[in-house]
Amino acid sequence: MSNQIQIIGHWTATLPGGLRAQLAVAAQDGRYALIYTDADEWDAVAFAYDEESARRTADLIGHLVTMPEHLRIGGDSIASTPDGDHPGVEWVVPTEVVDDPDPAVRLTGPGTRRLWAVPSTDGEVLGLLNPDGDPRDIAEFVSVEAADAFIAFLDAMLGDRAYGERQARGER
């Protein structure tokens, strides 16, 4: 067994209050996780089901940050509207940039890519879904707090449009 960690994707964001945080999709010994830090220690916030799911998660996050616009559906927490029509939090971006004055056309373009953090009906499983993919279930959060940290991180990162421009240029 190897203790070497392979990083599949890595991002940084400045959270409200100026706190710098990092998120990575990592692999070690056939296990795949989303790991997070806003201090000195990394913690797993979710475990991907397999290598394909981990790579798809990294690809979706990478795609989200490079797009100039996105649609966000949901409240502040994974527990927001658990019994509603659209529980949890979902981010939707077009598959490619479309130059059109109509925001609906720009956001849907020729298609969309979606990433959705959802609570379960039994309160036990907190999922990360790729509704456009098969299989659509790609990871499972370890706790409500972990899912909320992921949501806050993604919101902060996507709120910083300059970050997506730096990523597109290959900068960190």
N, C-alpha and C. Protein backbone atom coordinates (compact mmCIF):
# COMPACT_ATOMS: atom_id res chain seq x y z
N MET A 1 0.83 -1.18 0.00
CA MET A 1 0.00 0.00 0.00
C MET A 1 0.88 1.24 0.00
N SER A 2 0.42 2.23 -0.71
CA SER A 2 1.14 3.49 -0.82
C SER A 2 0.42 4.58 -0.06
N ASN A 3 1.18 5.43 0.59
CA ASN A 3 0.58 6.57 1.28
C ASN A 3 0.51 7.80 0.39
N GLN A 4 0.95 7.66 -0.86
CA GLN A 4 0.96 8.79 -1.77
C GLN A 4 -0.45 9.18 -2.16
N ILE A 5 -0.71 10.49 -2.12
CA ILE A 5 -2.01 11.02 -2.48
C ILE A 5 -1.93 11.63 -3.87
N GLN A 6 -2.85 11.26 -4.72
CA GLN A 6 -2.94 11.84 -6.07
C GLN A 6 -4.03 12.91 -6.03
N ILE A 7 -3.69 14.13 -6.47
CA ILE A 7 -4.66 15.21 -6.53
C ILE A 7 -5.25 15.24 -7.93
N ILE A 8 -6.55 15.07 -8.02
CA ILE A 8 -7.26 15.05 -9.30
C ILE A 8 -7.70 16.47 -9.68
N GLY A 9 -8.05 17.27 -8.70
CA GLY A 9 -8.44 18.66 -8.91
C GLY A 9 -8.23 19.43 -7.62
N HIS A 10 -7.86 20.72 -7.73
CA HIS A 10 -7.58 21.53 -6.55
C HIS A 10 -8.00 22.97 -6.80
N TRP A 11 -8.68 23.58 -5.80
CA TRP A 11 -9.17 24.95 -5.93
C TRP A 11 -8.99 25.67 -4.60
N THR A 12 -8.89 27.00 -4.68
CA THR A 12 -8.84 27.84 -3.48
C THR A 12 -9.94 28.88 -3.59
N ALA A 13 -10.37 29.36 -2.44
CA ALA A 13 -11.39 30.42 -2.41
C ALA A 13 -11.21 31.21 -1.12
N THR A 14 -11.63 32.45 -1.17
CA THR A 14 -11.66 33.28 0.03
C THR A 14 -13.10 33.34 0.50
N LEU A 15 -13.32 32.82 1.70
CA LEU A 15 -14.65 32.76 2.28
C LEU A 15 -15.01 34.11 2.88
N PRO A 16 -16.27 34.34 3.16
CA PRO A 16 -16.65 35.58 3.85
C PRO A 16 -15.82 35.73 5.13
N GLY A 17 -15.40 36.93 5.40
CA GLY A 17 -14.55 37.16 6.56
C GLY A 17 -13.07 37.07 6.22
N GLY A 18 -12.75 36.80 4.95
CA GLY A 18 -11.36 36.76 4.51
C GLY A 18 -10.64 35.45 4.77
N LEU A 19 -11.32 34.43 5.24
CA LEU A 19 -10.70 33.14 5.51
C LEU A 19 -10.41 32.41 4.20
N ARG A 20 -9.16 31.99 4.00
CA ARG A 20 -8.77 31.27 2.79
C ARG A 20 -9.02 29.78 2.99
N ALA A 21 -9.68 29.16 2.02
CA ALA A 21 -10.00 27.74 2.10
C ALA A 21 -9.55 27.05 0.82
N GLN A 22 -9.37 25.74 0.92
CA GLN A 22 -8.99 24.93 -0.24
C GLN A 22 -9.87 23.68 -0.30
N LEU A 23 -10.14 23.26 -1.52
CA LEU A 23 -10.90 22.04 -1.78
C LEU A 23 -10.12 21.25 -2.81
N ALA A 24 -10.07 19.94 -2.63
CA ALA A 24 -9.40 19.09 -3.61
C ALA A 24 -10.17 17.79 -3.76
N VAL A 25 -10.06 17.21 -4.94
CA VAL A 25 -10.52 15.85 -5.17
C VAL A 25 -9.24 15.03 -5.19
N ALA A 26 -9.17 14.04 -4.31
CA ALA A 26 -7.94 13.29 -4.12
C ALA A 26 -8.19 11.79 -4.15
N ALA A 27 -7.12 11.07 -4.48
CA ALA A 27 -7.18 9.60 -4.49
C ALA A 27 -6.01 9.06 -3.69
N GLN A 28 -6.27 7.98 -2.96
CA GLN A 28 -5.22 7.28 -2.23
C GLN A 28 -5.65 5.83 -2.03
N ASP A 29 -4.82 4.93 -2.49
CA ASP A 29 -5.06 3.49 -2.30
C ASP A 29 -6.45 3.05 -2.74
N GLY A 30 -6.91 3.55 -3.89
CA GLY A 30 -8.19 3.13 -4.43
C GLY A 30 -9.40 3.78 -3.77
N ARG A 31 -9.16 4.75 -2.89
CA ARG A 31 -10.25 5.51 -2.27
C ARG A 31 -10.22 6.93 -2.84
N TYR A 32 -11.38 7.53 -2.98
CA TYR A 32 -11.51 8.84 -3.62
C TYR A 32 -12.33 9.75 -2.72
N ALA A 33 -11.81 10.95 -2.48
CA ALA A 33 -12.49 11.85 -1.55
C ALA A 33 -12.39 13.30 -2.01
N LEU A 34 -13.35 14.08 -1.56
CA LEU A 34 -13.27 15.53 -1.63
C LEU A 34 -12.74 15.94 -0.27
N ILE A 35 -11.59 16.62 -0.27
CA ILE A 35 -10.98 17.04 0.98
C ILE A 35 -10.97 18.56 1.05
N TYR A 36 -11.01 19.08 2.26
CA TYR A 36 -11.22 20.50 2.47
C TYR A 36 -10.38 20.98 3.65
N THR A 37 -9.89 22.22 3.55
CA THR A 37 -9.24 22.85 4.69
C THR A 37 -9.50 24.34 4.66
N ASP A 38 -9.70 24.89 5.85
CA ASP A 38 -9.73 26.33 6.01
C ASP A 38 -8.80 26.69 7.17
N ALA A 39 -7.94 25.76 7.50
CA ALA A 39 -6.96 25.94 8.57
C ALA A 39 -5.70 25.17 8.16
N ASP A 40 -5.12 24.44 9.08
CA ASP A 40 -3.88 23.71 8.80
C ASP A 40 -4.11 22.24 8.47
N GLU A 41 -5.27 21.72 8.75
CA GLU A 41 -5.52 20.29 8.59
C GLU A 41 -6.59 20.03 7.53
N TRP A 42 -6.34 19.03 6.70
CA TRP A 42 -7.30 18.63 5.67
C TRP A 42 -8.26 17.61 6.26
N ASP A 43 -9.54 17.71 5.89
CA ASP A 43 -10.55 16.75 6.31
C ASP A 43 -11.36 16.32 5.10
N ALA A 44 -11.81 15.08 5.10
CA ALA A 44 -12.70 14.60 4.04
C ALA A 44 -14.08 15.19 4.27
N VAL A 45 -14.65 15.79 3.21
CA VAL A 45 -16.03 16.28 3.31
C VAL A 45 -16.98 15.33 2.59
N ALA A 46 -16.45 14.55 1.64
CA ALA A 46 -17.28 13.59 0.91
C ALA A 46 -16.39 12.50 0.34
N PHE A 47 -16.99 11.36 0.11
CA PHE A 47 -16.28 10.25 -0.53
C PHE A 47 -16.95 9.93 -1.85
N ALA A 48 -16.16 9.93 -2.91
CA ALA A 48 -16.67 9.57 -4.23
C ALA A 48 -16.83 8.06 -4.28
N TYR A 49 -17.76 7.60 -5.11
CA TYR A 49 -18.06 6.17 -5.17
C TYR A 49 -16.98 5.37 -5.87
N ASP A 50 -16.29 5.99 -6.83
CA ASP A 50 -15.24 5.29 -7.56
C ASP A 50 -14.40 6.32 -8.30
N GLU A 51 -13.40 5.86 -9.04
CA GLU A 51 -12.52 6.78 -9.75
C GLU A 51 -13.27 7.62 -10.78
N GLU A 52 -14.18 7.01 -11.52
CA GLU A 52 -14.96 7.76 -12.51
C GLU A 52 -15.75 8.88 -11.84
N SER A 53 -16.37 8.61 -10.70
CA SER A 53 -17.12 9.62 -9.98
C SER A 53 -16.21 10.75 -9.48
N ALA A 54 -15.04 10.40 -8.99
CA ALA A 54 -14.09 11.41 -8.52
C ALA A 54 -13.64 12.31 -9.67
N ARG A 55 -13.32 11.70 -10.79
CA ARG A 55 -12.88 12.49 -11.95
C ARG A 55 -14.03 13.36 -12.49
N ARG A 56 -15.23 12.83 -12.47
CA ARG A 56 -16.38 13.60 -12.94
C ARG A 56 -16.64 14.78 -12.00
N THR A 57 -16.49 14.57 -10.69
CA THR A 57 -16.65 15.65 -9.72
C THR A 57 -15.64 16.76 -9.99
N ALA A 58 -14.38 16.38 -10.16
CA ALA A 58 -13.33 17.37 -10.43
C ALA A 58 -13.60 18.09 -11.74
N ASP A 59 -14.03 17.37 -12.75
CA ASP A 59 -14.34 17.97 -14.04
C ASP A 59 -15.50 18.96 -13.93
N LEU A 60 -16.54 18.59 -13.20
CA LEU A 60 -17.69 19.48 -13.04
C LEU A 60 -17.32 20.76 -12.29
N ILE A 61 -16.57 20.62 -11.20
CA ILE A 61 -16.15 21.80 -10.45
C ILE A 61 -15.26 22.67 -11.33
N GLY A 62 -14.32 22.05 -12.03
CA GLY A 62 -13.45 22.80 -12.93
C GLY A 62 -14.23 23.53 -14.01
N HIS A 63 -15.25 22.91 -14.54
CA HIS A 63 -16.09 23.54 -15.56
C HIS A 63 -16.89 24.70 -14.97
N LEU A 64 -17.43 24.49 -13.78
CA LEU A 64 -18.21 25.55 -13.12
C LEU A 64 -17.39 26.83 -12.96
N VAL A 65 -16.14 26.70 -12.52
CA VAL A 65 -15.35 27.90 -12.23
C VAL A 65 -14.87 28.63 -13.47
N THR A 66 -14.88 27.97 -14.62
CA THR A 66 -14.41 28.64 -15.82
C THR A 66 -15.53 29.32 -16.61
N MET A 67 -16.76 29.07 -16.26
CA MET A 67 -17.88 29.68 -16.98
C MET A 67 -18.18 31.07 -16.42
N PRO A 68 -18.50 32.02 -17.28
CA PRO A 68 -18.73 33.38 -16.81
C PRO A 68 -20.03 33.56 -16.03
N GLU A 69 -21.00 32.67 -16.21
CA GLU A 69 -22.28 32.78 -15.51
C GLU A 69 -22.72 31.40 -15.03
N HIS A 70 -23.52 31.40 -13.97
CA HIS A 70 -24.11 30.15 -13.50
C HIS A 70 -25.45 30.46 -12.85
N LEU A 71 -26.25 29.44 -12.70
CA LEU A 71 -27.52 29.53 -12.00
C LEU A 71 -27.36 28.71 -10.73
N ARG A 72 -27.78 29.28 -9.61
CA ARG A 72 -27.72 28.57 -8.33
C ARG A 72 -29.14 28.44 -7.83
N ILE A 73 -29.51 27.23 -7.45
CA ILE A 73 -30.85 26.93 -6.95
C ILE A 73 -30.70 26.41 -5.53
N GLY A 74 -31.47 26.96 -4.59
CA GLY A 74 -31.46 26.44 -3.23
C GLY A 74 -31.12 27.48 -2.20
N GLY A 75 -31.13 27.05 -0.94
CA GLY A 75 -30.87 27.93 0.19
C GLY A 75 -29.41 27.94 0.58
N ASP A 76 -29.15 28.28 1.83
CA ASP A 76 -27.78 28.40 2.32
C ASP A 76 -27.18 27.07 2.76
N SER A 77 -27.99 26.05 2.94
CA SER A 77 -27.55 24.80 3.53
C SER A 77 -28.08 23.61 2.74
N ILE A 78 -27.42 22.47 2.91
CA ILE A 78 -27.92 21.26 2.27
C ILE A 78 -29.28 20.89 2.83
N ALA A 79 -29.56 21.34 4.05
CA ALA A 79 -30.85 21.03 4.68
C ALA A 79 -31.95 22.01 4.27
N SER A 80 -31.63 22.98 3.42
CA SER A 80 -32.64 23.94 2.96
C SER A 80 -33.71 23.22 2.16
N THR A 81 -34.94 23.49 2.46
CA THR A 81 -36.12 22.92 1.80
C THR A 81 -36.01 21.43 1.52
N PRO A 82 -35.78 20.60 2.55
CA PRO A 82 -35.63 19.16 2.32
C PRO A 82 -36.87 18.50 1.74
N ASP A 83 -38.03 19.08 2.01
CA ASP A 83 -39.26 18.50 1.49
C ASP A 83 -39.82 19.28 0.31
N GLY A 84 -39.06 20.27 -0.16
CA GLY A 84 -39.53 21.12 -1.25
C GLY A 84 -39.35 20.47 -2.61
N ASP A 85 -39.70 21.23 -3.61
CA ASP A 85 -39.58 20.73 -4.98
C ASP A 85 -38.13 20.55 -5.41
N HIS A 86 -37.23 21.33 -4.79
CA HIS A 86 -35.82 21.27 -5.18
C HIS A 86 -34.95 21.37 -3.92
N PRO A 87 -34.82 20.27 -3.18
CA PRO A 87 -34.07 20.30 -1.93
C PRO A 87 -32.57 20.50 -2.16
N GLY A 88 -31.89 20.97 -1.13
CA GLY A 88 -30.45 21.14 -1.21
C GLY A 88 -30.06 22.34 -2.04
N VAL A 89 -28.87 22.24 -2.66
CA VAL A 89 -28.32 23.33 -3.46
C VAL A 89 -27.79 22.76 -4.77
N GLU A 90 -28.15 23.42 -5.87
CA GLU A 90 -27.68 22.98 -7.19
C GLU A 90 -27.08 24.15 -7.95
N TRP A 91 -26.00 23.86 -8.68
CA TRP A 91 -25.37 24.84 -9.56
C TRP A 91 -25.52 24.34 -10.98
N VAL A 92 -25.92 25.23 -11.89
CA VAL A 92 -26.15 24.89 -13.29
C VAL A 92 -25.36 25.86 -14.15
N VAL A 93 -24.60 25.33 -15.11
CA VAL A 93 -23.86 26.16 -16.06
C VAL A 93 -24.07 25.60 -17.45
N PRO A 94 -23.90 26.44 -18.46
CA PRO A 94 -24.01 25.93 -19.83
C PRO A 94 -22.79 25.08 -20.17
N THR A 95 -22.94 24.24 -21.17
CA THR A 95 -21.81 23.41 -21.62
C THR A 95 -20.76 24.25 -22.32
N GLU A 96 -21.17 25.39 -22.89
CA GLU A 96 -20.23 26.30 -23.53
C GLU A 96 -20.76 27.72 -23.46
N VAL A 97 -19.86 28.67 -23.64
CA VAL A 97 -20.25 30.08 -23.58
C VAL A 97 -21.02 30.44 -24.84
N VAL A 98 -22.18 31.08 -24.65
CA VAL A 98 -23.02 31.52 -25.75
C VAL A 98 -23.19 33.04 -25.61
N ASP A 99 -22.91 33.77 -26.68
CA ASP A 99 -23.05 35.22 -26.66
C ASP A 99 -24.47 35.57 -27.11
N ASP A 100 -25.31 35.90 -26.13
CA ASP A 100 -26.70 36.24 -26.42
C ASP A 100 -27.18 37.21 -25.34
N PRO A 101 -27.98 38.21 -25.70
CA PRO A 101 -28.45 39.15 -24.68
C PRO A 101 -29.43 38.52 -23.69
N ASP A 102 -30.05 37.41 -24.03
CA ASP A 102 -31.03 36.76 -23.16
C ASP A 102 -30.30 35.86 -22.14
N PRO A 103 -30.41 36.17 -20.82
CA PRO A 103 -29.73 35.35 -19.81
C PRO A 103 -30.14 33.87 -19.86
N ALA A 104 -31.39 33.59 -20.16
CA ALA A 104 -31.84 32.19 -20.22
C ALA A 104 -31.10 31.43 -21.32
N VAL A 105 -30.87 32.08 -22.44
CA VAL A 105 -30.13 31.44 -23.53
C VAL A 105 -28.67 31.26 -23.14
N ARG A 106 -28.07 32.27 -22.50
CA ARG A 106 -26.67 32.18 -22.08
C ARG A 106 -26.47 31.06 -21.07
N LEU A 107 -27.44 30.87 -20.16
CA LEU A 107 -27.29 29.87 -19.11
C LEU A 107 -27.61 28.46 -19.57
N THR A 108 -28.42 28.32 -20.58
CA THR A 108 -28.74 26.97 -21.05
C THR A 108 -28.00 26.62 -22.32
N GLY A 109 -27.67 27.64 -23.14
CA GLY A 109 -26.89 27.41 -24.35
C GLY A 109 -27.34 26.16 -25.07
N PRO A 110 -26.37 25.40 -25.58
CA PRO A 110 -26.71 24.15 -26.24
C PRO A 110 -26.98 23.01 -25.25
N GLY A 111 -26.76 23.26 -23.97
CA GLY A 111 -26.97 22.25 -22.94
C GLY A 111 -26.43 22.74 -21.62
N THR A 112 -26.63 21.96 -20.56
CA THR A 112 -26.16 22.37 -19.24
C THR A 112 -25.34 21.26 -18.60
N ARG A 113 -24.57 21.67 -17.60
CA ARG A 113 -23.86 20.75 -16.71
C ARG A 113 -24.29 21.14 -15.31
N ARG A 114 -24.59 20.14 -14.48
CA ARG A 114 -25.17 20.40 -13.17
C ARG A 114 -24.45 19.63 -12.08
N LEU A 115 -24.37 20.29 -10.91
CA LEU A 115 -23.81 19.67 -9.71
C LEU A 115 -24.78 20.00 -8.58
N TRP A 116 -25.25 18.97 -7.86
CA TRP A 116 -26.33 19.14 -6.91
C TRP A 116 -26.01 18.44 -5.59
N ALA A 117 -25.97 19.23 -4.50
CA ALA A 117 -25.80 18.70 -3.15
C ALA A 117 -27.19 18.52 -2.56
N VAL A 118 -27.56 17.28 -2.25
CA VAL A 118 -28.93 17.00 -1.80
C VAL A 118 -28.97 16.24 -0.47
N PRO A 119 -29.99 16.58 0.35
CA PRO A 119 -30.22 15.79 1.55
C PRO A 119 -31.00 14.54 1.18
N SER A 120 -30.99 13.57 2.05
CA SER A 120 -31.77 12.37 1.77
C SER A 120 -33.13 12.45 2.43
N THR A 121 -33.98 11.58 2.01
CA THR A 121 -35.30 11.53 2.62
C THR A 121 -35.25 10.90 4.01
N ASP A 122 -34.24 10.06 4.28
CA ASP A 122 -34.13 9.44 5.60
C ASP A 122 -33.23 10.21 6.56
N GLY A 123 -32.60 11.29 6.08
CA GLY A 123 -31.73 12.09 6.91
C GLY A 123 -30.36 11.49 7.15
N GLU A 124 -30.08 10.35 6.56
CA GLU A 124 -28.80 9.67 6.79
C GLU A 124 -27.77 9.95 5.69
N VAL A 125 -28.19 9.94 4.45
CA VAL A 125 -27.27 10.07 3.32
C VAL A 125 -27.41 11.46 2.72
N LEU A 126 -26.28 12.14 2.56
CA LEU A 126 -26.23 13.45 1.95
C LEU A 126 -25.43 13.29 0.67
N GLY A 127 -26.08 13.44 -0.46
CA GLY A 127 -25.45 13.10 -1.72
C GLY A 127 -24.95 14.27 -2.52
N LEU A 128 -23.98 13.98 -3.38
CA LEU A 128 -23.53 14.91 -4.40
C LEU A 128 -23.88 14.24 -5.71
N LEU A 129 -24.71 14.92 -6.49
CA LEU A 129 -25.24 14.33 -7.71
C LEU A 129 -24.76 15.08 -8.95
N ASN A 130 -24.66 14.34 -10.04
CA ASN A 130 -24.46 14.88 -11.37
C ASN A 130 -25.70 14.45 -12.16
N PRO A 131 -26.78 15.27 -12.08
CA PRO A 131 -28.06 14.85 -12.66
C PRO A 131 -28.01 14.55 -14.16
N ASP A 132 -27.01 15.10 -14.86
CA ASP A 132 -26.91 14.85 -16.30
C ASP A 132 -26.11 13.59 -16.62
N GLY A 133 -25.53 12.96 -15.60
CA GLY A 133 -24.66 11.81 -15.85
C GLY A 133 -25.31 10.50 -15.48
N ASP A 134 -24.67 9.43 -15.89
CA ASP A 134 -25.13 8.10 -15.54
C ASP A 134 -23.92 7.29 -15.10
N PRO A 135 -23.83 6.90 -13.83
CA PRO A 135 -24.83 7.12 -12.79
C PRO A 135 -24.79 8.56 -12.31
N ARG A 136 -25.89 9.02 -11.76
CA ARG A 136 -25.96 10.41 -11.33
C ARG A 136 -25.39 10.62 -9.95
N ASP A 137 -25.37 9.59 -9.10
CA ASP A 137 -24.80 9.70 -7.75
C ASP A 137 -23.28 9.59 -7.86
N ILE A 138 -22.56 10.64 -7.42
CA ILE A 138 -21.10 10.62 -7.57
C ILE A 138 -20.35 10.64 -6.25
N ALA A 139 -20.97 11.12 -5.18
CA ALA A 139 -20.28 11.15 -3.88
C ALA A 139 -21.30 11.24 -2.76
N GLU A 140 -20.82 10.98 -1.55
CA GLU A 140 -21.66 11.06 -0.36
C GLU A 140 -20.93 11.89 0.69
N PHE A 141 -21.59 12.95 1.17
CA PHE A 141 -21.00 13.80 2.20
C PHE A 141 -20.94 13.06 3.52
N VAL A 142 -19.95 13.41 4.34
CA VAL A 142 -19.79 12.73 5.63
C VAL A 142 -20.69 13.30 6.71
N SER A 143 -21.18 14.53 6.54
CA SER A 143 -22.06 15.15 7.54
C SER A 143 -22.71 16.38 6.93
N VAL A 144 -23.71 16.89 7.63
CA VAL A 144 -24.35 18.14 7.21
C VAL A 144 -23.32 19.27 7.22
N GLU A 145 -22.49 19.32 8.26
CA GLU A 145 -21.47 20.36 8.35
C GLU A 145 -20.49 20.29 7.19
N ALA A 146 -20.11 19.09 6.79
CA ALA A 146 -19.19 18.92 5.66
C ALA A 146 -19.85 19.38 4.36
N ALA A 147 -21.11 19.02 4.17
CA ALA A 147 -21.84 19.44 2.97
C ALA A 147 -21.97 20.95 2.94
N ASP A 148 -22.26 21.56 4.09
CA ASP A 148 -22.41 23.01 4.15
C ASP A 148 -21.07 23.71 3.89
N ALA A 149 -19.96 23.13 4.34
CA ALA A 149 -18.64 23.70 4.06
C ALA A 149 -18.38 23.66 2.56
N PHE A 150 -18.74 22.55 1.91
CA PHE A 150 -18.59 22.43 0.45
C PHE A 150 -19.44 23.48 -0.26
N ILE A 151 -20.67 23.67 0.18
CA ILE A 151 -21.58 24.65 -0.43
C ILE A 151 -21.02 26.06 -0.26
N ALA A 152 -20.57 26.40 0.94
CA ALA A 152 -20.01 27.73 1.20
C ALA A 152 -18.76 27.96 0.35
N PHE A 153 -17.93 26.93 0.23
CA PHE A 153 -16.72 27.04 -0.58
C PHE A 153 -17.07 27.29 -2.04
N LEU A 154 -17.96 26.47 -2.60
CA LEU A 154 -18.33 26.64 -4.00
C LEU A 154 -18.98 28.00 -4.25
N ASP A 155 -19.84 28.43 -3.34
CA ASP A 155 -20.46 29.74 -3.49
C ASP A 155 -19.41 30.85 -3.49
N ALA A 156 -18.44 30.78 -2.58
CA ALA A 156 -17.38 31.79 -2.52
C ALA A 156 -16.54 31.77 -3.79
N MET A 157 -16.19 30.58 -4.23
CA MET A 157 -15.35 30.46 -5.43
C MET A 157 -16.10 30.95 -6.67
N LEU A 158 -17.35 30.58 -6.81
CA LEU A 158 -18.12 30.99 -7.98
C LEU A 158 -18.49 32.46 -7.93
N GLY A 159 -18.51 33.04 -6.74
CA GLY A 159 -18.77 34.46 -6.61
C GLY A 159 -17.59 35.30 -7.06
N ASP A 160 -16.41 34.68 -7.12
CA ASP A 160 -15.20 35.37 -7.54
C ASP A 160 -14.95 35.04 -9.01
N ARG A 161 -15.56 35.78 -9.89
CA ARG A 161 -15.43 35.52 -11.34
C ARG A 161 -13.99 35.62 -11.81
N ALA A 162 -13.17 36.43 -11.13
CA ALA A 162 -11.77 36.53 -11.52
C ALA A 162 -11.06 35.18 -11.34
N TYR A 163 -11.53 34.38 -10.37
CA TYR A 163 -10.94 33.06 -10.15
C TYR A 163 -11.09 32.20 -11.40
N GLY A 164 -12.29 32.18 -11.97
CA GLY A 164 -12.53 31.39 -13.18
C GLY A 164 -11.65 31.85 -14.33
N GLU A 165 -11.43 33.15 -14.42
CA GLU A 165 -10.56 33.66 -15.48
C GLU A 165 -9.11 33.23 -15.25
N ARG A 166 -8.66 33.25 -13.99
CA ARG A 166 -7.29 32.79 -13.68
C ARG A 166 -7.16 31.30 -13.99
N GLN A 167 -8.18 30.50 -13.63
CA GLN A 167 -8.14 29.05 -13.88
C GLN A 167 -8.06 28.80 -15.40
N ALA A 168 -8.82 29.55 -16.18
CA ALA A 168 -8.81 29.37 -17.63
C ALA A 168 -7.44 29.65 -18.22
N ARG A 169 -6.68 30.57 -17.57
CA ARG A 169 -5.32 30.88 -18.02
C ARG A 169 -4.29 29.92 -17.44
N GLY A 170 -4.72 29.01 -16.57
CA GLY A 170 -3.80 28.05 -15.97
C GLY A 170 -3.11 28.56 -14.72
N GLU A 171 -3.61 29.65 -14.14
CA GLU A 171 -3.03 30.22 -12.93
C GLU A 171 -3.78 29.71 -11.72
N ARG A 172 -3.17 29.83 -10.52
CA ARG A 172 -3.84 29.46 -9.26
C ARG A 172 -4.22 30.65 -8.49
